[in-house]
Amino acid sequence: MSAEVAAYIAALLPAFRDAALTLRAEIAALLPDHIECMSYAMPGFRAPGKAGKMVVGYAAFKHHLGLYPHSGSIIPQINCAPFKTSRSGVLFTPDSPLPPALIEQIIRARQRELAKPAAK
């Protein structure tokens, strides 16, 4: 964990810190060769290599946490019920964490999107 990510997580309230650490561990297990970093003021993971694109990030707010696949097209195509969603992410609370299967579905959808050739 980078010092920047560690500082972000350390600044969270205990319940949010625990939820963020659990989510981070689940993401890291799904993306073992990816690079942990900060992007858009949130911790996340990007694909390996100099030009590696962001795959997923997560953030904590006053009343919830969110998982963000750094794409506006991923969340609308996945059934995230019963969790609240926005175009860019899925929201949850420390008392109601995201199921590992949903986290994996979001990450794999983002990886498939990144693997598509760029439109010219």
C-alpha atoms as a PDB file:
ATOM      1  CA  MET A   1       0.000   0.000   0.000  1.00  0.00           C
ATOM      2  CA  SER A   2       1.414   3.376  -0.942  1.00  0.00           C
ATOM      3  CA  ALA A   3       1.838   6.036   1.723  1.00  0.00           C
ATOM      4  CA  GLU A   4      -0.822   8.131  -0.011  1.00  0.00           C
ATOM      5  CA  VAL A   5      -3.390   5.297   0.048  1.00  0.00           C
ATOM      6  CA  ALA A   6      -2.465   4.431   3.639  1.00  0.00           C
ATOM      7  CA  ALA A   7      -2.986   8.057   4.705  1.00  0.00           C
ATOM      8  CA  TYR A   8      -6.368   8.192   2.944  1.00  0.00           C
ATOM      9  CA  ILE A   9      -7.564   5.047   4.718  1.00  0.00           C
ATOM     10  CA  ALA A  10      -6.074   6.026   8.093  1.00  0.00           C
ATOM     11  CA  ALA A  11      -8.059   9.281   8.041  1.00  0.00           C
ATOM     12  CA  LEU A  12     -11.408   7.448   7.865  1.00  0.00           C
ATOM     13  CA  LEU A  13     -13.681   6.774  10.814  1.00  0.00           C
ATOM     14  CA  PRO A  14     -13.150   3.239  12.183  1.00  0.00           C
ATOM     15  CA  ALA A  15     -16.206   1.573  10.567  1.00  0.00           C
ATOM     16  CA  PHE A  16     -15.433   3.211   7.216  1.00  0.00           C
ATOM     17  CA  ARG A  17     -11.741   2.335   7.561  1.00  0.00           C
ATOM     18  CA  ASP A  18     -12.591  -1.324   8.138  1.00  0.00           C
ATOM     19  CA  ALA A  19     -14.997  -1.360   5.179  1.00  0.00           C
ATOM     20  CA  ALA A  20     -12.420   0.322   2.921  1.00  0.00           C
ATOM     21  CA  LEU A  21      -9.693  -2.125   3.980  1.00  0.00           C
ATOM     22  CA  THR A  22     -11.977  -5.092   3.305  1.00  0.00           C
ATOM     23  CA  LEU A  23     -12.925  -3.714  -0.114  1.00  0.00           C
ATOM     24  CA  ARG A  24      -9.277  -2.954  -0.899  1.00  0.00           C
ATOM     25  CA  ALA A  25      -8.282  -6.528  -0.050  1.00  0.00           C
ATOM     26  CA  GLU A  26     -11.038  -7.949  -2.256  1.00  0.00           C
ATOM     27  CA  ILE A  27     -10.002  -5.727  -5.177  1.00  0.00           C
ATOM     28  CA  ALA A  28      -6.310  -6.531  -4.692  1.00  0.00           C
ATOM     29  CA  ALA A  29      -7.089 -10.264  -4.755  1.00  0.00           C
ATOM     30  CA  LEU A  30      -8.944  -9.829  -8.068  1.00  0.00           C
ATOM     31  CA  LEU A  31      -6.227  -7.597  -9.567  1.00  0.00           C
ATOM     32  CA  PRO A  32      -2.981  -9.010  -8.154  1.00  0.00           C
ATOM     33  CA  ASP A  33      -0.703  -7.647 -10.882  1.00  0.00           C
ATOM     34  CA  HIS A  34      -2.277  -4.180 -10.973  1.00  0.00           C
ATOM     35  CA  ILE A  35      -0.793  -1.001  -9.535  1.00  0.00           C
ATOM     36  CA  GLU A  36      -2.374   0.583  -6.499  1.00  0.00           C
ATOM     37  CA  CYS A  37      -2.545   4.363  -6.742  1.00  0.00           C
ATOM     38  CA  MET A  38      -4.587   7.478  -6.097  1.00  0.00           C
ATOM     39  CA  SER A  39      -6.719   8.810  -8.943  1.00  0.00           C
ATOM     40  CA  TYR A  40      -9.417  11.476  -8.761  1.00  0.00           C
ATOM     41  CA  ALA A  41      -8.590  11.805  -5.029  1.00  0.00           C
ATOM     42  CA  MET A  42      -9.520   8.166  -4.357  1.00  0.00           C
ATOM     43  CA  PRO A  43      -7.553   4.956  -3.933  1.00  0.00           C
ATOM     44  CA  GLY A  44      -7.729   2.543  -6.814  1.00  0.00           C
ATOM     45  CA  PHE A  45      -5.989   0.108  -9.094  1.00  0.00           C
ATOM     46  CA  ARG A  46      -4.725   0.622 -12.615  1.00  0.00           C
ATOM     47  CA  ALA A  47      -3.589  -1.893 -15.181  1.00  0.00           C
ATOM     48  CA  PRO A  48       0.129  -2.665 -15.223  1.00  0.00           C
ATOM     49  CA  GLY A  49       2.450  -0.813 -17.553  1.00  0.00           C
ATOM     50  CA  LYS A  50       3.305   2.816 -18.165  1.00  0.00           C
ATOM     51  CA  ALA A  51       0.016   3.509 -19.940  1.00  0.00           C
ATOM     52  CA  GLY A  52      -2.109   1.326 -17.636  1.00  0.00           C
ATOM     53  CA  LYS A  53      -5.662   2.622 -17.418  1.00  0.00           C
ATOM     54  CA  MET A  54      -7.611   2.881 -14.178  1.00  0.00           C
ATOM     55  CA  VAL A  55      -9.723  -0.192 -13.584  1.00  0.00           C
ATOM     56  CA  VAL A  56     -11.490   0.642 -10.342  1.00  0.00           C
ATOM     57  CA  GLY A  57     -11.376   3.043  -7.433  1.00  0.00           C
ATOM     58  CA  TYR A  58     -13.158   3.385  -4.116  1.00  0.00           C
ATOM     59  CA  ALA A  59     -13.958   6.272  -1.826  1.00  0.00           C
ATOM     60  CA  ALA A  60     -15.535   7.040   1.532  1.00  0.00           C
ATOM     61  CA  PHE A  61     -17.922   9.896   2.186  1.00  0.00           C
ATOM     62  CA  LYS A  62     -19.868  11.089   5.220  1.00  0.00           C
ATOM     63  CA  HIS A  63     -22.667   8.507   5.000  1.00  0.00           C
ATOM     64  CA  HIS A  64     -21.483   5.886   2.519  1.00  0.00           C
ATOM     65  CA  LEU A  65     -18.639   4.382   0.518  1.00  0.00           C
ATOM     66  CA  GLY A  66     -18.546   3.861  -3.213  1.00  0.00           C
ATOM     67  CA  LEU A  67     -16.927   1.573  -5.757  1.00  0.00           C
ATOM     68  CA  TYR A  68     -16.158   3.316  -9.064  1.00  0.00           C
ATOM     69  CA  PRO A  69     -15.065   1.485 -12.229  1.00  0.00           C
ATOM     70  CA  HIS A  70     -13.755   4.689 -13.845  1.00  0.00           C
ATOM     71  CA  SER A  71     -16.296   4.382 -16.642  1.00  0.00           C
ATOM     72  CA  GLY A  72     -19.826   5.680 -17.010  1.00  0.00           C
ATOM     73  CA  SER A  73     -20.960   2.644 -18.962  1.00  0.00           C
ATOM     74  CA  ILE A  74     -20.267  -0.200 -16.512  1.00  0.00           C
ATOM     75  CA  ILE A  75     -22.695   0.345 -13.619  1.00  0.00           C
ATOM     76  CA  PRO A  76     -25.801   0.899 -15.803  1.00  0.00           C
ATOM     77  CA  GLN A  77     -25.332  -2.541 -17.378  1.00  0.00           C
ATOM     78  CA  ILE A  78     -25.044  -4.430 -14.047  1.00  0.00           C
ATOM     79  CA  ASN A  79     -27.857  -5.245 -11.628  1.00  0.00           C
ATOM     80  CA  CYS A  80     -26.514  -3.780  -8.394  1.00  0.00           C
ATOM     81  CA  ALA A  81     -29.797  -4.102  -6.431  1.00  0.00           C
ATOM     82  CA  PRO A  82     -30.396  -3.500  -3.594  1.00  0.00           C
ATOM     83  CA  PHE A  83     -27.554  -0.975  -3.562  1.00  0.00           C
ATOM     84  CA  LYS A  84     -27.932   2.638  -4.686  1.00  0.00           C
ATOM     85  CA  THR A  85     -26.082   3.489  -7.858  1.00  0.00           C
ATOM     86  CA  SER A  86     -25.043   6.460  -9.881  1.00  0.00           C
ATOM     87  CA  ARG A  87     -23.873   6.368 -13.474  1.00  0.00           C
ATOM     88  CA  SER A  88     -20.308   6.038 -12.246  1.00  0.00           C
ATOM     89  CA  GLY A  89     -20.512   3.877  -9.139  1.00  0.00           C
ATOM     90  CA  VAL A  90     -22.306   1.735  -6.618  1.00  0.00           C
ATOM     91  CA  LEU A  91     -22.820   2.989  -3.067  1.00  0.00           C
ATOM     92  CA  PHE A  92     -22.816   1.034   0.175  1.00  0.00           C
ATOM     93  CA  THR A  93     -22.433   1.439   3.922  1.00  0.00           C
ATOM     94  CA  PRO A  94     -20.110  -0.303   6.363  1.00  0.00           C
ATOM     95  CA  ASP A  95     -23.154  -2.182   7.721  1.00  0.00           C
ATOM     96  CA  SER A  96     -24.115  -3.402   4.251  1.00  0.00           C
ATOM     97  CA  PRO A  97     -20.928  -4.113   2.259  1.00  0.00           C
ATOM     98  CA  LEU A  98     -20.879  -5.085  -1.393  1.00  0.00           C
ATOM     99  CA  PRO A  99     -20.896  -8.838  -1.990  1.00  0.00           C
ATOM    100  CA  PRO A 100     -17.625 -10.185  -3.423  1.00  0.00           C
ATOM    101  CA  ALA A 101     -19.498 -11.528  -6.478  1.00  0.00           C
ATOM    102  CA  LEU A 102     -20.778  -8.027  -7.323  1.00  0.00           C
ATOM    103  CA  ILE A 103     -17.309  -6.517  -6.889  1.00  0.00           C
ATOM    104  CA  GLU A 104     -15.895  -9.138  -9.230  1.00  0.00           C
ATOM    105  CA  GLN A 105     -18.675  -8.607 -11.790  1.00  0.00           C
ATOM    106  CA  ILE A 106     -17.968  -4.859 -11.882  1.00  0.00           C
ATOM    107  CA  ILE A 107     -14.203  -5.332 -12.162  1.00  0.00           C
ATOM    108  CA  ARG A 108     -14.450  -7.979 -14.885  1.00  0.00           C
ATOM    109  CA  ALA A 109     -16.856  -5.797 -16.887  1.00  0.00           C
ATOM    110  CA  ARG A 110     -14.385  -2.911 -16.663  1.00  0.00           C
ATOM    111  CA  GLN A 111     -11.516  -5.163 -17.741  1.00  0.00           C
ATOM    112  CA  ARG A 112     -13.521  -6.347 -20.763  1.00  0.00           C
ATOM    113  CA  GLU A 113     -14.223  -2.718 -21.649  1.00  0.00           C
ATOM    114  CA  LEU A 114     -10.529  -1.843 -21.409  1.00  0.00           C
ATOM    115  CA  ALA A 115      -9.597  -4.849 -23.562  1.00  0.00           C
ATOM    116  CA  LYS A 116     -11.738  -3.664 -26.472  1.00  0.00           C
ATOM    117  CA  PRO A 117      -9.828  -1.917 -29.251  1.00  0.00           C
ATOM    118  CA  ALA A 118     -10.213   1.853 -29.188  1.00  0.00           C
ATOM    119  CA  ALA A 119     -12.650   3.257 -31.725  1.00  0.00           C
ATOM    120  CA  LYS A 120     -10.981   5.273 -34.477  1.00  0.00           C
END
